[in-house]
Amino acid sequence: MAESSVSKRKRTENTSVEQCDIYLEHIEGDYIFRSGVINPTVEPKYIENKWKKLTIELNSLGKGPVLTKEAWQKRFKD
């Protein structure tokens, strides 16, 4: 039989409850981070810096997946 040319998606580890809770705390406590709208009184890289800090916090839990900043953004926005 011929091999299938369709590649299977690699399954990733599910986001832990603790990781979801931390994400929700960040979103609920920060309107700018939640809305994605930066006003003139906030530094231009505010949201990017928040994602970097959140990524470090999520990855350091020891439960759930360890992802890049971009992968966390995609996971929570999808």
C-alpha atoms as a PDB file:
ATOM      1  CA  MET A   1       0.000   0.000   0.000  1.00  0.00           C
ATOM      2  CA  ALA A   2       1.111   3.536  -0.661  1.00  0.00           C
ATOM      3  CA  GLU A   3       1.977   5.694   2.306  1.00  0.00           C
ATOM      4  CA  SER A   4      -0.473   8.417   3.113  1.00  0.00           C
ATOM      5  CA  SER A   5       0.761  11.882   2.201  1.00  0.00           C
ATOM      6  CA  VAL A   6      -1.422  13.433   4.858  1.00  0.00           C
ATOM      7  CA  SER A   7       0.653  14.268   7.901  1.00  0.00           C
ATOM      8  CA  LYS A   8      -0.922  13.766  11.264  1.00  0.00           C
ATOM      9  CA  ARG A   9      -1.006  16.630  13.716  1.00  0.00           C
ATOM     10  CA  LYS A  10       1.156  16.121  16.741  1.00  0.00           C
ATOM     11  CA  ARG A  11      -0.951  16.087  19.883  1.00  0.00           C
ATOM     12  CA  THR A  12       0.205  18.439  22.576  1.00  0.00           C
ATOM     13  CA  GLU A  13      -0.257  18.270  26.301  1.00  0.00           C
ATOM     14  CA  ASN A  14      -3.435  19.863  27.617  1.00  0.00           C
ATOM     15  CA  THR A  15      -3.210  23.158  29.439  1.00  0.00           C
ATOM     16  CA  SER A  16      -3.438  22.495  33.180  1.00  0.00           C
ATOM     17  CA  VAL A  17      -6.132  23.981  35.384  1.00  0.00           C
ATOM     18  CA  GLU A  18      -3.429  25.941  37.216  1.00  0.00           C
ATOM     19  CA  GLN A  19      -2.176  27.441  33.946  1.00  0.00           C
ATOM     20  CA  CYS A  20      -5.712  28.449  32.974  1.00  0.00           C
ATOM     21  CA  ASP A  21      -6.252  30.043  36.395  1.00  0.00           C
ATOM     22  CA  ILE A  22      -3.071  32.115  36.097  1.00  0.00           C
ATOM     23  CA  TYR A  23      -4.048  33.247  32.609  1.00  0.00           C
ATOM     24  CA  LEU A  24      -7.502  34.261  33.859  1.00  0.00           C
ATOM     25  CA  GLU A  25      -5.976  36.213  36.759  1.00  0.00           C
ATOM     26  CA  HIS A  26      -3.826  38.178  34.313  1.00  0.00           C
ATOM     27  CA  ILE A  27      -6.728  38.832  31.948  1.00  0.00           C
ATOM     28  CA  GLU A  28      -9.198  39.814  34.658  1.00  0.00           C
ATOM     29  CA  GLY A  29      -6.754  42.100  36.427  1.00  0.00           C
ATOM     30  CA  ASP A  30      -5.427  44.046  33.442  1.00  0.00           C
ATOM     31  CA  TYR A  31      -7.774  45.820  31.036  1.00  0.00           C
ATOM     32  CA  ILE A  32      -4.993  46.777  28.610  1.00  0.00           C
ATOM     33  CA  PHE A  33      -3.739  43.190  28.419  1.00  0.00           C
ATOM     34  CA  ARG A  34      -7.305  41.897  28.002  1.00  0.00           C
ATOM     35  CA  SER A  35      -8.360  44.390  25.324  1.00  0.00           C
ATOM     36  CA  GLY A  36      -5.077  44.595  23.434  1.00  0.00           C
ATOM     37  CA  VAL A  37      -5.512  48.366  23.081  1.00  0.00           C
ATOM     38  CA  ILE A  38      -2.568  50.509  24.117  1.00  0.00           C
ATOM     39  CA  ASN A  39      -3.174  54.120  25.083  1.00  0.00           C
ATOM     40  CA  PRO A  40      -0.497  56.868  24.939  1.00  0.00           C
ATOM     41  CA  THR A  41       0.260  56.615  28.667  1.00  0.00           C
ATOM     42  CA  VAL A  42       1.473  53.014  28.368  1.00  0.00           C
ATOM     43  CA  GLU A  43       4.808  51.883  26.959  1.00  0.00           C
ATOM     44  CA  PRO A  44       4.540  50.594  23.359  1.00  0.00           C
ATOM     45  CA  LYS A  45       5.718  47.051  24.216  1.00  0.00           C
ATOM     46  CA  TYR A  46       3.461  46.704  27.261  1.00  0.00           C
ATOM     47  CA  ILE A  47       1.410  43.785  25.917  1.00  0.00           C
ATOM     48  CA  GLU A  48       4.462  41.988  24.512  1.00  0.00           C
ATOM     49  CA  ASN A  49       6.215  42.306  27.886  1.00  0.00           C
ATOM     50  CA  LYS A  50       3.116  41.016  29.699  1.00  0.00           C
ATOM     51  CA  TRP A  51       3.049  37.949  27.423  1.00  0.00           C
ATOM     52  CA  LYS A  52       6.753  37.314  28.125  1.00  0.00           C
ATOM     53  CA  LYS A  53       6.179  37.461  31.899  1.00  0.00           C
ATOM     54  CA  LEU A  54       3.051  35.314  31.640  1.00  0.00           C
ATOM     55  CA  THR A  55       4.913  32.740  29.524  1.00  0.00           C
ATOM     56  CA  ILE A  56       7.643  32.431  32.147  1.00  0.00           C
ATOM     57  CA  GLU A  57       5.044  32.040  34.891  1.00  0.00           C
ATOM     58  CA  LEU A  58       3.002  29.434  32.982  1.00  0.00           C
ATOM     59  CA  ASN A  59       6.061  27.404  31.998  1.00  0.00           C
ATOM     60  CA  SER A  60       7.526  27.431  35.519  1.00  0.00           C
ATOM     61  CA  LEU A  61       4.490  25.727  37.104  1.00  0.00           C
ATOM     62  CA  GLY A  62       5.717  22.226  36.367  1.00  0.00           C
ATOM     63  CA  LYS A  63       2.211  21.126  35.344  1.00  0.00           C
ATOM     64  CA  GLY A  64       0.983  21.278  31.784  1.00  0.00           C
ATOM     65  CA  PRO A  65       2.839  22.089  28.590  1.00  0.00           C
ATOM     66  CA  VAL A  66       5.903  24.303  28.215  1.00  0.00           C
ATOM     67  CA  LEU A  67       5.293  26.577  25.234  1.00  0.00           C
ATOM     68  CA  THR A  68       6.738  29.650  23.560  1.00  0.00           C
ATOM     69  CA  LYS A  69       5.140  33.074  23.932  1.00  0.00           C
ATOM     70  CA  GLU A  70       3.636  32.754  20.457  1.00  0.00           C
ATOM     71  CA  ALA A  71       2.269  29.280  21.188  1.00  0.00           C
ATOM     72  CA  TRP A  72       0.613  30.488  24.413  1.00  0.00           C
ATOM     73  CA  GLN A  73      -0.937  33.412  22.561  1.00  0.00           C
ATOM     74  CA  LYS A  74      -2.311  31.086  19.894  1.00  0.00           C
ATOM     75  CA  ARG A  75      -3.578  28.596  22.466  1.00  0.00           C
ATOM     76  CA  PHE A  76      -5.529  31.183  24.451  1.00  0.00           C
ATOM     77  CA  LYS A  77      -6.816  33.121  21.448  1.00  0.00           C
ATOM     78  CA  ASP A  78      -8.138  30.081  19.549  1.00  0.00           C
END
